N, C-alpha and C. Protein backbone atom coordinates (compact mmCIF):
# COMPACT_ATOMS: atom_id res chain seq x y z
N UNK A 1 -78.59 -104.91 28.06
CA UNK A 1 -78.81 -103.96 28.80
C UNK A 1 -79.91 -104.79 29.69
N UNK A 2 -79.06 -104.72 30.92
CA UNK A 2 -80.31 -105.76 31.78
C UNK A 2 -79.60 -106.01 32.92
N UNK A 3 -80.43 -105.00 33.79
CA UNK A 3 -79.86 -104.25 35.10
C UNK A 3 -80.91 -105.26 36.19
N UNK A 4 -79.97 -106.11 37.43
CA UNK A 4 -80.78 -107.33 38.42
C UNK A 4 -80.12 -106.97 39.22
N UNK A 5 -81.04 -106.42 40.16
CA UNK A 5 -81.03 -106.04 41.93
C UNK A 5 -80.29 -107.95 42.25
N UNK A 6 -79.01 -106.69 42.78
CA UNK A 6 -78.22 -108.49 43.61
C UNK A 6 -78.16 -107.95 45.65
N UNK A 7 -78.45 -107.35 45.98
CA UNK A 7 -78.37 -107.72 47.34
C UNK A 7 -78.85 -106.04 48.06
N UNK A 8 -79.38 -105.67 49.40
CA UNK A 8 -78.95 -104.63 50.14
C UNK A 8 -78.30 -105.21 51.13
N UNK A 9 -77.32 -103.74 51.58
CA UNK A 9 -76.37 -103.52 52.91
C UNK A 9 -77.15 -103.15 54.03
N UNK A 10 -76.56 -104.22 55.03
CA UNK A 10 -76.93 -104.37 56.17
C UNK A 10 -75.76 -103.90 56.92
N UNK A 11 -75.65 -102.13 57.28
CA UNK A 11 -74.75 -101.48 58.40
C UNK A 11 -74.79 -102.16 59.83
N UNK A 12 -73.81 -102.48 60.63
CA UNK A 12 -73.89 -102.87 61.72
C UNK A 12 -72.44 -102.36 62.36
N UNK A 13 -72.88 -102.03 63.80
CA UNK A 13 -72.08 -102.43 64.70
C UNK A 13 -71.33 -103.31 64.86
N UNK A 14 -71.84 -104.19 65.05
CA UNK A 14 -71.22 -105.34 65.38
C UNK A 14 -71.68 -106.65 64.82
N UNK A 15 -71.36 -107.94 64.44
CA UNK A 15 -71.60 -108.76 63.74
C UNK A 15 -72.83 -109.62 64.03
N UNK A 16 -72.71 -109.52 65.58
CA UNK A 16 -73.30 -110.58 66.16
C UNK A 16 -75.04 -111.21 66.20
N UNK A 17 -75.43 -109.98 66.43
CA UNK A 17 -76.99 -110.19 66.60
C UNK A 17 -77.51 -110.32 65.28
N UNK A 18 -76.83 -109.79 64.13
CA UNK A 18 -76.98 -109.63 62.64
C UNK A 18 -77.35 -110.98 62.50
N UNK A 19 -75.73 -112.21 62.33
CA UNK A 19 -75.66 -113.26 62.55
C UNK A 19 -76.43 -114.78 63.07
N UNK A 20 -76.98 -114.07 64.04
CA UNK A 20 -77.77 -115.12 64.64
C UNK A 20 -78.78 -114.98 63.94
N UNK A 21 -79.50 -113.66 64.21
CA UNK A 21 -80.77 -113.72 63.09
C UNK A 21 -81.28 -114.22 61.41
N UNK A 22 -79.74 -113.69 60.55
CA UNK A 22 -80.11 -114.67 59.45
C UNK A 22 -79.36 -115.90 59.80
N UNK A 23 -78.89 -116.37 60.30
CA UNK A 23 -78.95 -117.93 60.49
C UNK A 23 -79.71 -118.57 60.67
N UNK A 24 -81.14 -117.59 61.97
CA UNK A 24 -82.03 -118.66 61.70
C UNK A 24 -83.07 -118.49 60.90
N UNK A 25 -82.73 -117.74 59.78
CA UNK A 25 -83.58 -117.50 58.87
C UNK A 25 -83.06 -118.93 57.31
N UNK A 26 -81.90 -119.43 58.15
CA UNK A 26 -81.62 -120.43 56.75
C UNK A 26 -80.82 -119.20 55.72
N UNK A 27 -79.95 -118.56 56.42
CA UNK A 27 -78.81 -118.08 55.41
C UNK A 27 -78.13 -118.99 55.46
N UNK A 28 -76.99 -118.85 54.45
CA UNK A 28 -75.56 -119.24 54.73
C UNK A 28 -74.84 -117.97 54.87
N UNK A 29 -74.02 -118.34 55.96
CA UNK A 29 -73.01 -116.54 55.49
C UNK A 29 -71.53 -117.08 55.59
N UNK A 30 -71.02 -116.13 54.87
CA UNK A 30 -69.70 -116.19 54.33
C UNK A 30 -68.70 -115.80 55.35
N UNK A 31 -67.36 -116.21 55.31
CA UNK A 31 -66.75 -116.07 56.43
C UNK A 31 -66.56 -114.28 56.34
N UNK A 32 -66.36 -113.14 57.16
CA UNK A 32 -66.39 -111.78 56.98
C UNK A 32 -64.83 -111.66 56.67
N UNK A 33 -65.00 -110.80 55.51
CA UNK A 33 -63.87 -110.23 55.05
C UNK A 33 -63.88 -108.65 55.42
N UNK A 34 -62.14 -108.47 55.45
CA UNK A 34 -61.66 -106.84 55.50
C UNK A 34 -61.76 -106.04 53.91
N UNK A 35 -61.87 -105.01 53.99
CA UNK A 35 -61.56 -104.28 52.85
C UNK A 35 -61.16 -103.47 52.38
N UNK A 36 -60.24 -102.93 52.50
CA UNK A 36 -59.55 -101.68 53.44
C UNK A 36 -59.38 -100.56 52.46
N UNK A 37 -60.00 -101.10 51.17
CA UNK A 37 -60.28 -99.87 49.91
C UNK A 37 -61.39 -99.63 50.50
N UNK A 38 -62.57 -99.83 51.09
CA UNK A 38 -63.94 -99.28 51.61
C UNK A 38 -63.58 -98.86 52.99
N UNK A 39 -62.48 -99.38 53.86
CA UNK A 39 -62.45 -99.59 55.17
C UNK A 39 -63.77 -100.07 55.95
N UNK A 40 -63.97 -101.37 55.51
CA UNK A 40 -65.28 -101.51 55.89
C UNK A 40 -64.85 -103.76 56.34
N UNK A 41 -65.46 -103.96 56.79
CA UNK A 41 -65.52 -105.86 57.15
C UNK A 41 -67.07 -106.15 56.73
N UNK A 42 -67.11 -107.11 55.67
CA UNK A 42 -67.86 -107.40 55.47
C UNK A 42 -68.66 -109.23 55.65
N UNK A 43 -69.76 -109.34 55.61
CA UNK A 43 -70.19 -110.92 55.91
C UNK A 43 -71.07 -110.74 54.64
N UNK A 44 -71.68 -111.82 53.94
CA UNK A 44 -72.83 -112.06 53.21
C UNK A 44 -73.38 -113.26 53.41
N UNK A 45 -74.67 -112.63 53.00
CA UNK A 45 -75.74 -113.74 53.82
C UNK A 45 -76.82 -114.69 52.16
N UNK A 46 -76.42 -115.20 52.01
CA UNK A 46 -77.17 -116.10 51.10
C UNK A 46 -78.11 -116.72 51.07
N UNK A 47 -79.33 -116.50 50.08
CA UNK A 47 -80.30 -117.87 50.82
C UNK A 47 -80.50 -118.20 49.37
N UNK A 48 -81.58 -119.31 49.40
CA UNK A 48 -82.21 -119.67 47.74
C UNK A 48 -83.41 -119.04 47.27
N UNK A 49 -84.12 -118.59 48.65
CA UNK A 49 -85.59 -118.45 48.30
C UNK A 49 -85.54 -116.67 49.16
N UNK A 50 -84.64 -116.35 49.15
CA UNK A 50 -84.47 -114.50 49.30
C UNK A 50 -83.24 -114.17 49.35
N UNK A 51 -83.26 -112.20 48.91
CA UNK A 51 -82.33 -111.61 48.84
C UNK A 51 -81.22 -111.81 49.61
N UNK A 52 -80.10 -111.12 48.66
CA UNK A 52 -78.55 -111.10 49.13
C UNK A 52 -78.50 -110.37 50.26
N UNK A 53 -77.81 -110.35 51.24
CA UNK A 53 -77.51 -109.10 52.53
C UNK A 53 -76.46 -109.08 52.47
N UNK A 54 -75.63 -108.55 52.36
CA UNK A 54 -74.26 -107.65 52.65
C UNK A 54 -74.47 -107.05 54.00
N UNK A 55 -73.78 -107.49 55.04
CA UNK A 55 -73.29 -107.01 56.91
C UNK A 55 -72.08 -106.00 56.29
N UNK A 56 -72.16 -105.34 56.67
CA UNK A 56 -71.18 -104.08 56.46
C UNK A 56 -70.97 -103.28 58.07
N UNK A 57 -69.63 -103.95 58.74
CA UNK A 57 -69.82 -103.19 60.02
C UNK A 57 -68.07 -102.13 59.55
N UNK A 58 -68.11 -101.15 60.27
CA UNK A 58 -66.79 -100.22 59.59
C UNK A 58 -65.33 -100.90 60.24
N UNK A 59 -63.86 -100.70 59.64
CA UNK A 59 -63.29 -100.99 60.29
C UNK A 59 -62.56 -100.15 61.64
N UNK A 60 -62.51 -98.82 61.68
CA UNK A 60 -62.56 -97.80 62.55
C UNK A 60 -63.29 -96.95 62.20
N UNK A 61 -62.80 -95.48 62.68
CA UNK A 61 -63.85 -93.70 63.06
C UNK A 61 -64.04 -93.42 61.66
N UNK A 62 -62.96 -93.91 60.44
CA UNK A 62 -62.56 -93.16 59.27
C UNK A 62 -63.74 -93.84 58.61
N UNK A 63 -64.41 -94.72 58.55
CA UNK A 63 -64.96 -95.62 57.41
C UNK A 63 -66.29 -94.97 56.69
N UNK A 64 -66.67 -94.73 55.96
CA UNK A 64 -67.41 -94.25 55.09
C UNK A 64 -69.06 -93.72 56.02
N UNK A 65 -69.08 -95.62 56.79
CA UNK A 65 -70.27 -95.52 57.72
C UNK A 65 -70.58 -95.38 58.64
N UNK A 66 -69.49 -94.97 59.11
CA UNK A 66 -69.18 -94.57 60.69
C UNK A 66 -71.21 -93.32 61.01
N UNK A 67 -70.80 -92.69 60.16
CA UNK A 67 -72.13 -91.77 60.58
C UNK A 67 -73.22 -92.24 60.55
N UNK A 68 -73.51 -93.07 59.43
CA UNK A 68 -75.26 -94.04 59.33
C UNK A 68 -75.25 -94.15 60.98
N UNK A 69 -74.48 -95.13 61.77
CA UNK A 69 -74.80 -95.69 62.81
C UNK A 69 -74.36 -94.90 62.90
N UNK A 70 -74.04 -93.22 63.94
CA UNK A 70 -74.65 -92.35 65.02
C UNK A 70 -76.22 -92.74 65.17
N UNK A 71 -77.00 -92.72 64.77
CA UNK A 71 -78.27 -92.82 64.79
C UNK A 71 -78.80 -94.22 65.44
N UNK A 72 -78.04 -95.49 64.80
CA UNK A 72 -78.86 -96.54 65.19
C UNK A 72 -77.70 -97.89 65.03
N UNK A 73 -77.68 -98.85 65.57
CA UNK A 73 -76.44 -99.89 66.19
C UNK A 73 -77.29 -100.19 64.38
N UNK A 74 -77.95 -100.14 64.10
CA UNK A 74 -78.11 -101.37 62.65
C UNK A 74 -79.05 -100.27 61.67
N UNK A 75 -79.03 -100.00 60.03
CA UNK A 75 -79.24 -99.68 59.63
C UNK A 75 -79.36 -100.21 57.99
N UNK A 76 -79.98 -100.38 57.43
CA UNK A 76 -80.13 -100.18 55.56
C UNK A 76 -79.61 -99.25 55.00
N UNK A 77 -78.44 -100.12 54.12
CA UNK A 77 -77.24 -98.90 54.07
C UNK A 77 -77.68 -98.65 52.78
N UNK A 78 -77.94 -99.10 51.49
CA UNK A 78 -77.37 -99.19 50.55
C UNK A 78 -78.57 -100.30 49.35
N UNK A 79 -79.26 -99.96 48.69
CA UNK A 79 -79.31 -100.96 47.74
C UNK A 79 -79.00 -101.28 46.63
N UNK A 80 -78.26 -102.79 45.73
CA UNK A 80 -77.43 -103.02 45.45
C UNK A 80 -78.16 -103.76 43.86
N UNK A 81 -76.93 -102.70 42.85
CA UNK A 81 -78.08 -103.46 41.08
C UNK A 81 -76.77 -104.12 40.40
N UNK A 82 -76.55 -105.08 39.77
CA UNK A 82 -75.58 -105.55 39.08
C UNK A 82 -76.22 -105.25 37.28
N UNK A 83 -74.98 -104.54 36.59
CA UNK A 83 -75.84 -104.03 35.69
C UNK A 83 -74.68 -104.79 34.29
N UNK A 84 -74.80 -104.69 33.03
CA UNK A 84 -74.10 -105.30 32.25
C UNK A 84 -73.13 -103.96 31.53
N UNK A 85 -73.69 -102.90 30.91
CA UNK A 85 -73.31 -101.39 30.13
C UNK A 85 -73.20 -100.23 31.19
N UNK A 86 -72.69 -100.03 31.91
CA UNK A 86 -72.91 -99.18 33.37
C UNK A 86 -73.49 -97.82 32.48
N UNK A 87 -73.12 -97.49 31.48
CA UNK A 87 -73.58 -95.82 30.65
C UNK A 87 -75.35 -95.95 30.35
N UNK A 88 -74.71 -97.46 29.74
CA UNK A 88 -76.33 -97.18 29.71
C UNK A 88 -77.43 -97.58 30.80
N UNK A 89 -77.37 -98.27 31.56
CA UNK A 89 -77.50 -98.84 32.73
C UNK A 89 -78.17 -98.09 33.36
N UNK A 90 -77.00 -97.35 33.56
CA UNK A 90 -77.25 -95.72 35.04
C UNK A 90 -78.31 -95.18 34.36
N UNK A 91 -78.53 -94.54 33.23
CA UNK A 91 -79.41 -93.63 32.75
C UNK A 91 -80.92 -94.65 33.07
N UNK A 92 -80.93 -95.70 31.64
CA UNK A 92 -82.34 -96.25 32.53
C UNK A 92 -82.71 -96.72 33.84
N UNK A 93 -81.56 -96.97 34.73
CA UNK A 93 -81.84 -97.42 36.29
C UNK A 93 -82.48 -95.74 37.36
N UNK A 94 -81.44 -94.97 36.86
CA UNK A 94 -81.58 -93.37 37.66
C UNK A 94 -83.13 -93.13 37.07
N UNK A 95 -83.33 -93.36 35.81
CA UNK A 95 -84.67 -92.31 35.27
C UNK A 95 -84.25 -91.25 35.09
N UNK A 96 -83.64 -90.23 35.04
CA UNK A 96 -83.56 -88.49 35.49
C UNK A 96 -83.92 -88.56 36.87
N UNK A 97 -83.91 -89.17 38.00
CA UNK A 97 -83.36 -88.55 39.10
C UNK A 97 -82.34 -88.21 39.15
N UNK A 98 -82.58 -87.24 40.46
CA UNK A 98 -81.18 -86.64 40.67
C UNK A 98 -80.30 -87.35 41.06
N UNK A 99 -79.14 -87.43 40.80
CA UNK A 99 -78.24 -88.25 41.22
C UNK A 99 -76.64 -87.64 41.12
N UNK A 100 -76.15 -88.28 41.98
CA UNK A 100 -74.57 -87.58 42.46
C UNK A 100 -73.59 -88.88 42.93
N UNK A 101 -72.46 -88.95 42.55
CA UNK A 101 -72.03 -89.96 42.36
C UNK A 101 -70.68 -89.21 43.72
N UNK A 102 -70.98 -90.51 44.47
CA UNK A 102 -69.98 -90.12 45.87
C UNK A 102 -69.03 -91.08 46.42
N UNK A 103 -68.26 -92.29 44.99
CA UNK A 103 -67.79 -93.37 45.76
C UNK A 103 -67.63 -93.15 44.26
N UNK A 104 -66.59 -93.35 43.38
CA UNK A 104 -65.75 -93.60 41.97
C UNK A 104 -65.34 -94.82 42.06
N UNK A 105 -66.02 -95.70 40.73
CA UNK A 105 -65.20 -97.16 40.85
C UNK A 105 -64.00 -97.43 41.42
N UNK A 106 -64.44 -98.63 41.79
CA UNK A 106 -62.70 -99.66 43.15
C UNK A 106 -63.67 -100.40 43.28
N UNK A 107 -62.35 -101.67 43.07
CA UNK A 107 -62.84 -103.11 43.46
C UNK A 107 -63.16 -103.53 44.53
N UNK A 108 -63.66 -104.34 44.40
CA UNK A 108 -65.13 -104.52 45.65
C UNK A 108 -64.72 -106.85 45.97
N UNK A 109 -63.67 -106.17 47.18
CA UNK A 109 -63.08 -107.56 47.22
C UNK A 109 -63.77 -108.82 47.74
N UNK A 110 -64.64 -108.31 48.41
CA UNK A 110 -65.81 -109.88 48.84
C UNK A 110 -66.44 -110.26 47.21
N UNK A 111 -66.59 -109.68 46.44
CA UNK A 111 -67.00 -109.21 45.05
C UNK A 111 -65.85 -109.92 43.58
N UNK A 112 -64.89 -110.09 44.75
CA UNK A 112 -64.30 -110.69 43.32
C UNK A 112 -63.34 -109.69 43.08
N UNK A 113 -63.25 -108.56 43.06
CA UNK A 113 -62.63 -107.65 43.02
C UNK A 113 -63.54 -106.87 42.27
N UNK A 114 -64.73 -107.44 41.34
CA UNK A 114 -65.50 -106.60 40.08
C UNK A 114 -65.53 -104.97 40.98
N UNK A 115 -66.04 -104.41 40.19
CA UNK A 115 -65.96 -102.67 39.95
C UNK A 115 -67.06 -102.26 40.60
N UNK A 116 -67.37 -102.00 42.01
CA UNK A 116 -68.48 -100.93 42.21
C UNK A 116 -68.37 -99.24 42.55
N UNK A 117 -69.67 -99.14 42.28
CA UNK A 117 -69.06 -97.52 42.08
C UNK A 117 -70.48 -97.20 43.15
N UNK A 118 -70.85 -95.86 43.37
CA UNK A 118 -71.93 -95.81 45.06
C UNK A 118 -72.57 -94.04 44.50
N UNK A 119 -73.58 -94.07 44.24
CA UNK A 119 -74.13 -92.89 43.85
C UNK A 119 -75.62 -92.61 44.62
N UNK A 120 -75.71 -91.55 45.30
CA UNK A 120 -76.59 -90.81 46.28
C UNK A 120 -77.89 -90.68 45.19
N UNK A 121 -78.90 -91.29 45.45
CA UNK A 121 -80.08 -90.95 44.65
C UNK A 121 -81.42 -90.00 45.15
N UNK A 122 -81.51 -88.77 45.06
CA UNK A 122 -82.57 -88.11 45.30
C UNK A 122 -84.07 -89.04 45.20
N UNK A 123 -84.62 -89.06 46.34
CA UNK A 123 -85.75 -89.94 46.69
C UNK A 123 -85.69 -91.74 47.00
N UNK A 124 -83.97 -92.00 47.18
CA UNK A 124 -84.28 -93.57 47.55
C UNK A 124 -83.40 -93.54 48.40
N UNK A 125 -81.77 -92.66 47.81
CA UNK A 125 -80.90 -93.13 49.20
C UNK A 125 -79.55 -93.59 48.50
N UNK A 126 -78.58 -94.37 48.89
CA UNK A 126 -77.63 -94.44 48.27
C UNK A 126 -77.63 -96.09 47.98
N UNK A 127 -77.45 -96.05 46.63
CA UNK A 127 -76.98 -96.90 45.34
C UNK A 127 -75.88 -97.55 44.87
N UNK A 128 -76.02 -99.31 44.90
CA UNK A 128 -74.69 -99.38 44.47
C UNK A 128 -74.46 -99.89 43.49
N UNK A 129 -73.46 -99.65 42.64
CA UNK A 129 -73.67 -100.42 41.03
C UNK A 129 -72.52 -101.79 40.88
N UNK A 130 -72.56 -102.35 40.96
CA UNK A 130 -71.87 -103.73 40.53
C UNK A 130 -71.84 -104.41 39.71
N UNK A 131 -70.63 -104.21 38.77
CA UNK A 131 -70.04 -104.60 36.97
C UNK A 131 -70.66 -105.85 37.30
N UNK A 132 -70.96 -106.24 36.00
CA UNK A 132 -71.40 -107.89 36.14
C UNK A 132 -70.11 -108.33 35.81
N UNK A 133 -68.67 -107.72 34.97
CA UNK A 133 -67.90 -108.94 34.56
C UNK A 133 -66.49 -107.62 35.29
């Protein structure tokens, strides 16, 4: 059993300010990737000394993050954990907290089509689970 923090997702209306900020923090940025299954555009920001950041921009008004961005131009959207064994690790991670699956497993283009599932955890917020394999 292994649970590892993977990244945090930052929802943004536009990439420009975020790109500038993370470049100034010595992050390396990927090219923007469109993910039609999740209806978002994504840029990964990586660093040898800081956590990975996933910049997430809605592709259109039906994007799942559009409601989050109604109050602010940007906000932390989710935390992501990478796991080995979904059933055991999820039980350990959530530790009997009230949890609702809000998006069933689907491939994430930006992570080489590894499966991701989203859960709402009471008292925490949105958690993305990324399968290790």
